Amino acid sequence: MPQGSRRPSLSEPMGRIIAVANQKGGVGKTTTSVNLAAALAAEGRGVLLVDMDPQGNATMGCGVDKHRINAGSYDVLMGRRGVGDVLVACAEPSLRVLPANAALTSAEVELIEAERGPLRLREALSAATADFDHVFVDCPPSLNMLTVNALVAADRVIIPIQCEYYALEGLSALLDTIERIRRTLNPRLRIEGMLRTMFDSRNRLANEVSAQLIKHFGGRVYETVVPRNVRLAEAPSYGLPINRYDAGCRGGQAYQDLAREVLTREAREGAAA
């Protein structure tokens, strides 16, 4: 079990699985997956980050060379390896990564005809979640079988949204997909929150879209806003989450705030249960 994590007692829930998803590319999915996972790990939580994108950017962003891994999420989905066999450590002691690389591209096709194809990730993670407080799944920028696997496995979804012209239009397709999966394959699936990313408060359009999000979705929109930030953009090239690269920058502070907001929401939900 990762250093700093704790195994839940029989009375506690297993680690919550959170998919970070939006079929639109370039909205901060991987940035959010890596940096929120690292921020929670820095708070002493045991965290697993599952890379489900064949680009392997979350893998690289945690300092793991995707070209050198012997096995990863593709092998897990195909039933060739167990999750525990392929986890990789990174700079944050309480964080483990299930890595990915281009091999995962094959799974997009193979899962369509595979037995129990949409359920492969959920079944693979079922034994692993007890060792972690949080499991984050970084989804690819499309609504393909890899994203479907992530949503079927997840308890909650975090949706990063860049406040620009097409943001709400693209969001509707994702919400439809989430609702269909909730009705058919995963009744526990819920939206954890919507995160405004790459936000520039000087931009009139960004403020207008932000206001529309709050109007339509209310409390499901996180109070935390992730700004455009050069240091946040630089961190992946060094293979480090922002809390290891420059925790004091505006981007680093935003993900620390988001981690606290996530924990506060979970505590509130647990108290109400």
C-alpha atoms as a PDB file:
ATOM      1  CA  MET A   1       0.000   0.000   0.000  1.00  0.00           C
ATOM      2  CA  PRO A   2       1.405   3.449  -0.872  1.00  0.00           C
ATOM      3  CA  GLN A   3       3.235   5.299   1.874  1.00  0.00           C
ATOM      4  CA  GLY A   4       0.953   7.811   3.502  1.00  0.00           C
ATOM      5  CA  SER A   5      -2.253   6.033   2.581  1.00  0.00           C
ATOM      6  CA  ARG A   6      -4.395   3.987   4.889  1.00  0.00           C
ATOM      7  CA  ARG A   7      -6.502   0.952   4.273  1.00  0.00           C
ATOM      8  CA  PRO A   8     -10.139   1.730   5.043  1.00  0.00           C
ATOM      9  CA  SER A   9     -11.854  -0.219   7.771  1.00  0.00           C
ATOM     10  CA  LEU A  10     -14.786  -2.459   6.911  1.00  0.00           C
ATOM     11  CA  SER A  11     -17.131   0.352   7.822  1.00  0.00           C
ATOM     12  CA  GLU A  12     -15.485   2.838   5.469  1.00  0.00           C
ATOM     13  CA  PRO A  13     -16.113   3.127   1.742  1.00  0.00           C
ATOM     14  CA  MET A  14     -13.442   2.060  -0.691  1.00  0.00           C
ATOM     15  CA  GLY A  15     -11.541   4.753  -2.561  1.00  0.00           C
ATOM     16  CA  ARG A  16     -13.755   7.035  -4.587  1.00  0.00           C
ATOM     17  CA  ILE A  17     -13.163   6.745  -8.334  1.00  0.00           C
ATOM     18  CA  ILE A  18     -13.335  10.070 -10.152  1.00  0.00           C
ATOM     19  CA  ALA A  19     -13.180  10.343 -13.934  1.00  0.00           C
ATOM     20  CA  VAL A  20     -11.815  13.613 -15.292  1.00  0.00           C
ATOM     21  CA  ALA A  21     -13.583  13.956 -18.611  1.00  0.00           C
ATOM     22  CA  ASN A  22     -14.480  16.291 -21.439  1.00  0.00           C
ATOM     23  CA  GLN A  23     -14.507  15.211 -25.065  1.00  0.00           C
ATOM     24  CA  LYS A  24     -13.154  18.618 -26.079  1.00  0.00           C
ATOM     25  CA  GLY A  25      -9.362  18.672 -26.171  1.00  0.00           C
ATOM     26  CA  GLY A  26      -7.198  21.336 -24.599  1.00  0.00           C
ATOM     27  CA  VAL A  27      -9.446  22.149 -21.666  1.00  0.00           C
ATOM     28  CA  GLY A  28      -7.121  21.022 -18.877  1.00  0.00           C
ATOM     29  CA  LYS A  29      -8.163  17.413 -18.238  1.00  0.00           C
ATOM     30  CA  THR A  30      -4.660  16.063 -17.809  1.00  0.00           C
ATOM     31  CA  THR A  31      -3.455  19.162 -15.973  1.00  0.00           C
ATOM     32  CA  THR A  32      -6.339  18.716 -13.547  1.00  0.00           C
ATOM     33  CA  SER A  33      -5.885  14.955 -13.190  1.00  0.00           C
ATOM     34  CA  VAL A  34      -2.176  15.221 -12.404  1.00  0.00           C
ATOM     35  CA  ASN A  35      -2.256  18.274 -10.179  1.00  0.00           C
ATOM     36  CA  LEU A  36      -5.392  17.458  -8.199  1.00  0.00           C
ATOM     37  CA  ALA A  37      -4.103  13.925  -7.606  1.00  0.00           C
ATOM     38  CA  ALA A  38      -0.742  15.296  -6.456  1.00  0.00           C
ATOM     39  CA  ALA A  39      -2.336  17.953  -4.246  1.00  0.00           C
ATOM     40  CA  LEU A  40      -4.465  15.348  -2.459  1.00  0.00           C
ATOM     41  CA  ALA A  41      -1.445  13.059  -2.108  1.00  0.00           C
ATOM     42  CA  ALA A  42       0.453  15.946  -0.521  1.00  0.00           C
ATOM     43  CA  GLU A  43      -2.379  16.155   2.024  1.00  0.00           C
ATOM     44  CA  GLY A  44      -1.533  12.576   3.032  1.00  0.00           C
ATOM     45  CA  ARG A  45      -4.213  10.841   0.993  1.00  0.00           C
ATOM     46  CA  GLY A  46      -3.417   7.647  -0.855  1.00  0.00           C
ATOM     47  CA  VAL A  47      -4.068   8.437  -4.515  1.00  0.00           C
ATOM     48  CA  LEU A  48      -4.026   6.389  -7.707  1.00  0.00           C
ATOM     49  CA  LEU A  49      -3.913   8.144 -11.086  1.00  0.00           C
ATOM     50  CA  VAL A  50      -5.083   6.001 -14.001  1.00  0.00           C
ATOM     51  CA  ASP A  51      -3.956   7.190 -17.429  1.00  0.00           C
ATOM     52  CA  MET A  52      -6.578   6.214 -20.012  1.00  0.00           C
ATOM     53  CA  ASP A  53      -5.302   8.454 -22.798  1.00  0.00           C
ATOM     54  CA  PRO A  54      -3.049   6.840 -25.457  1.00  0.00           C
ATOM     55  CA  GLN A  55      -1.082  10.103 -25.572  1.00  0.00           C
ATOM     56  CA  GLY A  56       0.240   9.214 -22.116  1.00  0.00           C
ATOM     57  CA  ASN A  57       0.459  12.840 -21.030  1.00  0.00           C
ATOM     58  CA  ALA A  58      -0.614  12.156 -17.455  1.00  0.00           C
ATOM     59  CA  THR A  59       2.063   9.468 -17.276  1.00  0.00           C
ATOM     60  CA  MET A  60       4.747  11.874 -18.491  1.00  0.00           C
ATOM     61  CA  GLY A  61       3.428  14.682 -16.300  1.00  0.00           C
ATOM     62  CA  CYS A  62       4.141  12.535 -13.247  1.00  0.00           C
ATOM     63  CA  GLY A  63       7.719  11.948 -14.343  1.00  0.00           C
ATOM     64  CA  VAL A  64       7.189   8.455 -15.788  1.00  0.00           C
ATOM     65  CA  ASP A  65       8.684   7.830 -19.235  1.00  0.00           C
ATOM     66  CA  LYS A  66       5.861   6.344 -21.295  1.00  0.00           C
ATOM     67  CA  HIS A  67       8.385   4.929 -23.773  1.00  0.00           C
ATOM     68  CA  ARG A  68      10.074   2.828 -21.103  1.00  0.00           C
ATOM     69  CA  ILE A  69       7.130   1.223 -19.331  1.00  0.00           C
ATOM     70  CA  ASN A  70       6.851  -2.550 -19.664  1.00  0.00           C
ATOM     71  CA  ALA A  71       3.077  -2.639 -19.150  1.00  0.00           C
ATOM     72  CA  GLY A  72       0.272  -0.234 -18.470  1.00  0.00           C
ATOM     73  CA  SER A  73      -3.435   0.426 -18.713  1.00  0.00           C
ATOM     74  CA  TYR A  74      -3.692  -1.379 -22.063  1.00  0.00           C
ATOM     75  CA  ASP A  75      -2.460  -4.628 -20.478  1.00  0.00           C
ATOM     76  CA  VAL A  76      -4.865  -4.173 -17.576  1.00  0.00           C
ATOM     77  CA  LEU A  77      -7.850  -3.612 -19.873  1.00  0.00           C
ATOM     78  CA  MET A  78      -6.943  -6.669 -21.931  1.00  0.00           C
ATOM     79  CA  GLY A  79      -6.693  -8.824 -18.786  1.00  0.00           C
ATOM     80  CA  ARG A  80      -2.989  -9.498 -19.252  1.00  0.00           C
ATOM     81  CA  ARG A  81      -1.863  -7.856 -16.017  1.00  0.00           C
ATOM     82  CA  GLY A  82      -3.438  -6.843 -12.728  1.00  0.00           C
ATOM     83  CA  VAL A  83      -3.505  -3.216 -11.611  1.00  0.00           C
ATOM     84  CA  GLY A  84      -1.080  -3.869  -8.768  1.00  0.00           C
ATOM     85  CA  ASP A  85       1.447  -5.395 -11.153  1.00  0.00           C
ATOM     86  CA  VAL A  86       1.925  -2.274 -13.251  1.00  0.00           C
ATOM     87  CA  LEU A  87       1.700   0.667 -10.833  1.00  0.00           C
ATOM     88  CA  VAL A  88       4.568   3.120 -10.908  1.00  0.00           C
ATOM     89  CA  ALA A  89       5.782   5.425  -8.139  1.00  0.00           C
ATOM     90  CA  CYS A  90       6.385   9.123  -8.725  1.00  0.00           C
ATOM     91  CA  ALA A  91       7.758  12.145  -6.858  1.00  0.00           C
ATOM     92  CA  GLU A  92       4.780  12.392  -4.469  1.00  0.00           C
ATOM     93  CA  PRO A  93       5.137   9.452  -2.028  1.00  0.00           C
ATOM     94  CA  SER A  94       1.392   8.844  -1.646  1.00  0.00           C
ATOM     95  CA  LEU A  95       0.707   8.908  -5.390  1.00  0.00           C
ATOM     96  CA  ARG A  96       0.851   5.916  -7.737  1.00  0.00           C
ATOM     97  CA  VAL A  97       0.329   5.942 -11.492  1.00  0.00           C
ATOM     98  CA  LEU A  98      -1.185   3.328 -13.783  1.00  0.00           C
ATOM     99  CA  PRO A  99       0.693   4.450 -16.902  1.00  0.00           C
ATOM    100  CA  ALA A 100      -0.312   4.551 -20.558  1.00  0.00           C
ATOM    101  CA  ASN A 101       1.315   4.929 -23.942  1.00  0.00           C
ATOM    102  CA  ALA A 102       0.412   4.488 -27.609  1.00  0.00           C
ATOM    103  CA  ALA A 103      -0.348   0.784 -27.074  1.00  0.00           C
ATOM    104  CA  LEU A 104      -3.625   1.917 -25.558  1.00  0.00           C
ATOM    105  CA  THR A 105      -4.806   2.999 -29.009  1.00  0.00           C
ATOM    106  CA  SER A 106      -5.453  -0.664 -29.824  1.00  0.00           C
ATOM    107  CA  ALA A 107      -7.833  -0.946 -26.903  1.00  0.00           C
ATOM    108  CA  GLU A 108     -10.187   1.607 -28.463  1.00  0.00           C
ATOM    109  CA  VAL A 109     -10.969  -0.964 -31.163  1.00  0.00           C
ATOM    110  CA  GLU A 110     -10.483  -4.197 -29.221  1.00  0.00           C
ATOM    111  CA  LEU A 111     -12.853  -3.201 -26.427  1.00  0.00           C
ATOM    112  CA  ILE A 112     -15.740  -2.785 -28.864  1.00  0.00           C
ATOM    113  CA  GLU A 113     -15.834  -6.528 -29.529  1.00  0.00           C
ATOM    114  CA  ALA A 114     -14.342  -7.728 -26.242  1.00  0.00           C
ATOM    115  CA  GLU A 115     -16.492  -9.639 -23.780  1.00  0.00           C
ATOM    116  CA  ARG A 116     -17.721  -7.212 -21.098  1.00  0.00           C
ATOM    117  CA  GLY A 117     -15.834  -4.484 -22.962  1.00  0.00           C
ATOM    118  CA  PRO A 118     -17.373  -1.461 -21.178  1.00  0.00           C
ATOM    119  CA  LEU A 119     -16.777  -3.079 -17.767  1.00  0.00           C
ATOM    120  CA  ARG A 120     -13.086  -3.919 -18.072  1.00  0.00           C
ATOM    121  CA  LEU A 121     -11.722  -0.970 -16.094  1.00  0.00           C
ATOM    122  CA  ARG A 122     -14.338  -1.250 -13.347  1.00  0.00           C
ATOM    123  CA  GLU A 123     -13.554  -4.922 -12.853  1.00  0.00           C
ATOM    124  CA  ALA A 124      -9.807  -4.295 -12.882  1.00  0.00           C
ATOM    125  CA  LEU A 125     -10.046  -1.509 -10.308  1.00  0.00           C
ATOM    126  CA  SER A 126     -12.435  -3.335  -7.986  1.00  0.00           C
ATOM    127  CA  ALA A 127      -9.621  -4.935  -5.993  1.00  0.00           C
ATOM    128  CA  ALA A 128      -7.302  -1.922  -6.121  1.00  0.00           C
ATOM    129  CA  THR A 129      -9.528   0.826  -4.763  1.00  0.00           C
ATOM    130  CA  ALA A 130      -9.340  -0.431  -1.177  1.00  0.00           C
ATOM    131  CA  ASP A 131      -5.689   0.639  -1.087  1.00  0.00           C
ATOM    132  CA  PHE A 132      -6.417   4.259  -2.003  1.00  0.00           C
ATOM    133  CA  ASP A 133      -8.519   7.134  -0.767  1.00  0.00           C
ATOM    134  CA  HIS A 134      -8.972   8.532  -4.269  1.00  0.00           C
ATOM    135  CA  VAL A 135      -8.636   7.105  -7.761  1.00  0.00           C
ATOM    136  CA  PHE A 136      -8.514   9.588 -10.651  1.00  0.00           C
ATOM    137  CA  VAL A 137      -8.976   8.483 -14.258  1.00  0.00           C
ATOM    138  CA  ASP A 138      -7.604  10.819 -16.920  1.00  0.00           C
ATOM    139  CA  CYS A 139      -9.829  10.334 -19.982  1.00  0.00           C
ATOM    140  CA  PRO A 140      -8.946  10.876 -23.643  1.00  0.00           C
ATOM    141  CA  PRO A 141     -10.445  13.869 -25.504  1.00  0.00           C
ATOM    142  CA  SER A 142     -13.249  11.870 -27.106  1.00  0.00           C
ATOM    143  CA  LEU A 143     -16.310   9.851 -26.130  1.00  0.00           C
ATOM    144  CA  ASN A 144     -14.856   6.501 -27.208  1.00  0.00           C
ATOM    145  CA  MET A 145     -14.707   3.132 -25.434  1.00  0.00           C
ATOM    146  CA  LEU A 146     -11.845   4.271 -23.230  1.00  0.00           C
ATOM    147  CA  THR A 147     -13.947   7.128 -21.888  1.00  0.00           C
ATOM    148  CA  VAL A 148     -16.952   4.819 -21.562  1.00  0.00           C
ATOM    149  CA  ASN A 149     -14.816   2.432 -19.479  1.00  0.00           C
ATOM    150  CA  ALA A 150     -13.775   5.309 -17.250  1.00  0.00           C
ATOM    151  CA  LEU A 151     -17.363   6.487 -16.735  1.00  0.00           C
ATOM    152  CA  VAL A 152     -18.609   2.960 -16.047  1.00  0.00           C
ATOM    153  CA  ALA A 153     -15.864   2.538 -13.428  1.00  0.00           C
ATOM    154  CA  ALA A 154     -16.324   5.938 -11.800  1.00  0.00           C
ATOM    155  CA  ASP A 155     -18.422   7.105  -8.890  1.00  0.00           C
ATOM    156  CA  ARG A 156     -18.112  10.738  -9.888  1.00  0.00           C
ATOM    157  CA  VAL A 157     -17.036  12.918 -12.813  1.00  0.00           C
ATOM    158  CA  ILE A 158     -15.049  16.141 -12.744  1.00  0.00           C
ATOM    159  CA  ILE A 159     -15.547  18.184 -15.907  1.00  0.00           C
ATOM    160  CA  PRO A 160     -12.841  20.759 -16.698  1.00  0.00           C
ATOM    161  CA  ILE A 161     -14.279  23.570 -18.816  1.00  0.00           C
ATOM    162  CA  GLN A 162     -12.464  26.367 -20.574  1.00  0.00           C
ATOM    163  CA  CYS A 163     -14.720  29.406 -20.548  1.00  0.00           C
ATOM    164  CA  GLU A 164     -14.913  30.032 -24.272  1.00  0.00           C
ATOM    165  CA  TYR A 165     -17.535  30.167 -27.024  1.00  0.00           C
ATOM    166  CA  TYR A 166     -18.047  26.425 -27.634  1.00  0.00           C
ATOM    167  CA  ALA A 167     -17.795  25.329 -24.000  1.00  0.00           C
ATOM    168  CA  LEU A 168     -21.514  24.885 -23.300  1.00  0.00           C
ATOM    169  CA  GLU A 169     -22.234  23.289 -26.670  1.00  0.00           C
ATOM    170  CA  GLY A 170     -19.629  20.574 -26.112  1.00  0.00           C
ATOM    171  CA  LEU A 171     -20.758  20.103 -22.532  1.00  0.00           C
ATOM    172  CA  SER A 172     -24.247  18.976 -23.548  1.00  0.00           C
ATOM    173  CA  ALA A 173     -22.907  15.928 -25.438  1.00  0.00           C
ATOM    174  CA  LEU A 174     -20.865  14.857 -22.422  1.00  0.00           C
ATOM    175  CA  LEU A 175     -23.810  15.298 -20.051  1.00  0.00           C
ATOM    176  CA  ASP A 176     -25.959  13.172 -22.375  1.00  0.00           C
ATOM    177  CA  THR A 177     -23.311  10.432 -22.336  1.00  0.00           C
ATOM    178  CA  ILE A 178     -23.046  10.552 -18.550  1.00  0.00           C
ATOM    179  CA  GLU A 179     -26.816  10.264 -18.210  1.00  0.00           C
ATOM    180  CA  ARG A 180     -27.006   7.304 -20.621  1.00  0.00           C
ATOM    181  CA  ILE A 181     -24.281   5.466 -18.731  1.00  0.00           C
ATOM    182  CA  ARG A 182     -25.954   6.263 -15.419  1.00  0.00           C
ATOM    183  CA  ARG A 183     -29.229   4.778 -16.690  1.00  0.00           C
ATOM    184  CA  THR A 184     -27.742   1.660 -18.277  1.00  0.00           C
ATOM    185  CA  LEU A 185     -24.396   0.618 -16.820  1.00  0.00           C
ATOM    186  CA  ASN A 186     -23.535   2.665 -13.736  1.00  0.00           C
ATOM    187  CA  PRO A 187     -26.412   4.003 -11.626  1.00  0.00           C
ATOM    188  CA  ARG A 188     -24.043   5.463  -9.008  1.00  0.00           C
ATOM    189  CA  LEU A 189     -22.387   7.850 -11.497  1.00  0.00           C
ATOM    190  CA  ARG A 190     -22.789  11.522 -10.580  1.00  0.00           C
ATOM    191  CA  ILE A 191     -21.152  14.824 -11.493  1.00  0.00           C
ATOM    192  CA  GLU A 192     -18.653  15.733  -8.783  1.00  0.00           C
ATOM    193  CA  GLY A 193     -18.088  19.216 -10.117  1.00  0.00           C
ATOM    194  CA  MET A 194     -17.328  21.486 -13.048  1.00  0.00           C
ATOM    195  CA  LEU A 195     -13.977  23.232 -12.995  1.00  0.00           C
ATOM    196  CA  ARG A 196     -13.288  26.465 -14.839  1.00  0.00           C
ATOM    197  CA  THR A 197      -9.770  26.233 -16.286  1.00  0.00           C
ATOM    198  CA  MET A 198      -7.303  28.518 -18.092  1.00  0.00           C
ATOM    199  CA  PHE A 199      -9.425  31.392 -16.856  1.00  0.00           C
ATOM    200  CA  ASP A 200      -8.557  35.003 -17.663  1.00  0.00           C
ATOM    201  CA  SER A 201     -10.686  37.388 -15.634  1.00  0.00           C
ATOM    202  CA  ARG A 202      -9.796  40.240 -18.027  1.00  0.00           C
ATOM    203  CA  ASN A 203     -11.588  38.438 -20.846  1.00  0.00           C
ATOM    204  CA  ARG A 204     -15.210  39.511 -21.188  1.00  0.00           C
ATOM    205  CA  LEU A 205     -16.285  36.280 -22.923  1.00  0.00           C
ATOM    206  CA  ALA A 206     -14.677  34.157 -20.208  1.00  0.00           C
ATOM    207  CA  ASN A 207     -16.661  36.015 -17.555  1.00  0.00           C
ATOM    208  CA  GLU A 208     -19.884  35.657 -19.541  1.00  0.00           C
ATOM    209  CA  VAL A 209     -19.435  31.901 -19.997  1.00  0.00           C
ATOM    210  CA  SER A 210     -18.518  31.536 -16.326  1.00  0.00           C
ATOM    211  CA  ALA A 211     -21.729  33.320 -15.360  1.00  0.00           C
ATOM    212  CA  GLN A 212     -23.747  31.038 -17.639  1.00  0.00           C
ATOM    213  CA  LEU A 213     -22.203  27.949 -16.061  1.00  0.00           C
ATOM    214  CA  ILE A 214     -23.105  29.145 -12.581  1.00  0.00           C
ATOM    215  CA  LYS A 215     -26.612  30.067 -13.725  1.00  0.00           C
ATOM    216  CA  HIS A 216     -27.260  26.642 -15.264  1.00  0.00           C
ATOM    217  CA  PHE A 217     -25.382  24.380 -12.820  1.00  0.00           C
ATOM    218  CA  GLY A 218     -25.201  26.328  -9.571  1.00  0.00           C
ATOM    219  CA  GLY A 219     -23.355  24.520  -6.818  1.00  0.00           C
ATOM    220  CA  ARG A 220     -21.976  21.911  -9.173  1.00  0.00           C
ATOM    221  CA  VAL A 221     -19.492  24.539 -10.400  1.00  0.00           C
ATOM    222  CA  TYR A 222     -16.420  24.603  -8.163  1.00  0.00           C
ATOM    223  CA  GLU A 223     -15.680  27.890  -6.440  1.00  0.00           C
ATOM    224  CA  THR A 224     -12.020  27.345  -7.317  1.00  0.00           C
ATOM    225  CA  VAL A 225     -10.994  28.779 -10.681  1.00  0.00           C
ATOM    226  CA  VAL A 226      -7.751  27.697 -12.346  1.00  0.00           C
ATOM    227  CA  PRO A 227      -6.114  30.683 -14.049  1.00  0.00           C
ATOM    228  CA  ARG A 228      -3.949  30.794 -17.125  1.00  0.00           C
ATOM    229  CA  ASN A 229      -0.487  30.387 -15.676  1.00  0.00           C
ATOM    230  CA  VAL A 230       2.908  29.985 -17.320  1.00  0.00           C
ATOM    231  CA  ARG A 231       4.401  27.933 -14.476  1.00  0.00           C
ATOM    232  CA  LEU A 232       1.454  25.533 -14.638  1.00  0.00           C
ATOM    233  CA  ALA A 233       2.056  25.083 -18.366  1.00  0.00           C
ATOM    234  CA  GLU A 234       5.796  24.533 -17.847  1.00  0.00           C
ATOM    235  CA  ALA A 235       5.556  21.850 -15.153  1.00  0.00           C
ATOM    236  CA  PRO A 236       4.758  18.843 -17.430  1.00  0.00           C
ATOM    237  CA  SER A 237       7.941  19.388 -19.451  1.00  0.00           C
ATOM    238  CA  TYR A 238       9.873  18.742 -16.229  1.00  0.00           C
ATOM    239  CA  GLY A 239       7.810  15.660 -15.378  1.00  0.00           C
ATOM    240  CA  LEU A 240       6.526  17.264 -12.194  1.00  0.00           C
ATOM    241  CA  PRO A 241       3.097  18.181 -10.823  1.00  0.00           C
ATOM    242  CA  ILE A 242       2.828  21.860 -10.016  1.00  0.00           C
ATOM    243  CA  ASN A 243       3.141  21.315  -6.255  1.00  0.00           C
ATOM    244  CA  ARG A 244       6.639  19.930  -6.896  1.00  0.00           C
ATOM    245  CA  TYR A 245       7.574  22.458  -9.569  1.00  0.00           C
ATOM    246  CA  ASP A 246       6.271  25.732  -8.142  1.00  0.00           C
ATOM    247  CA  ALA A 247       3.653  25.293  -5.426  1.00  0.00           C
ATOM    248  CA  GLY A 248       3.481  29.010  -4.746  1.00  0.00           C
ATOM    249  CA  CYS A 249       2.495  30.116  -8.235  1.00  0.00           C
ATOM    250  CA  ARG A 250      -1.111  31.029  -8.983  1.00  0.00           C
ATOM    251  CA  GLY A 251      -1.742  27.696 -10.711  1.00  0.00           C
ATOM    252  CA  GLY A 252      -0.236  25.766  -7.820  1.00  0.00           C
ATOM    253  CA  GLN A 253      -2.339  27.637  -5.297  1.00  0.00           C
ATOM    254  CA  ALA A 254      -5.467  27.000  -7.380  1.00  0.00           C
ATOM    255  CA  TYR A 255      -4.986  23.222  -7.309  1.00  0.00           C
ATOM    256  CA  GLN A 256      -4.285  23.309  -3.580  1.00  0.00           C
ATOM    257  CA  ASP A 257      -7.560  25.198  -3.166  1.00  0.00           C
ATOM    258  CA  LEU A 258      -9.351  22.689  -5.395  1.00  0.00           C
ATOM    259  CA  ALA A 259      -8.046  19.756  -3.341  1.00  0.00           C
ATOM    260  CA  ARG A 260      -9.397  21.364  -0.170  1.00  0.00           C
ATOM    261  CA  GLU A 261     -12.730  22.043  -1.879  1.00  0.00           C
ATOM    262  CA  VAL A 262     -12.965  18.421  -3.005  1.00  0.00           C
ATOM    263  CA  LEU A 263     -12.268  17.210   0.539  1.00  0.00           C
ATOM    264  CA  THR A 264     -14.787  19.667   1.997  1.00  0.00           C
ATOM    265  CA  ARG A 265     -17.498  18.481  -0.409  1.00  0.00           C
ATOM    266  CA  GLU A 266     -16.745  14.862   0.433  1.00  0.00           C
ATOM    267  CA  ALA A 267     -16.927  15.564   4.174  1.00  0.00           C
ATOM    268  CA  ARG A 268     -20.229  17.404   3.725  1.00  0.00           C
ATOM    269  CA  GLU A 269     -21.620  14.547   1.642  1.00  0.00           C
ATOM    270  CA  GLY A 270     -20.450  11.991   4.196  1.00  0.00           C
ATOM    271  CA  ALA A 271     -22.075  13.921   7.038  1.00  0.00           C
ATOM    272  CA  ALA A 272     -25.360  14.066   5.140  1.00  0.00           C
ATOM    273  CA  ALA A 273     -25.362  10.331   4.338  1.00  0.00           C
END
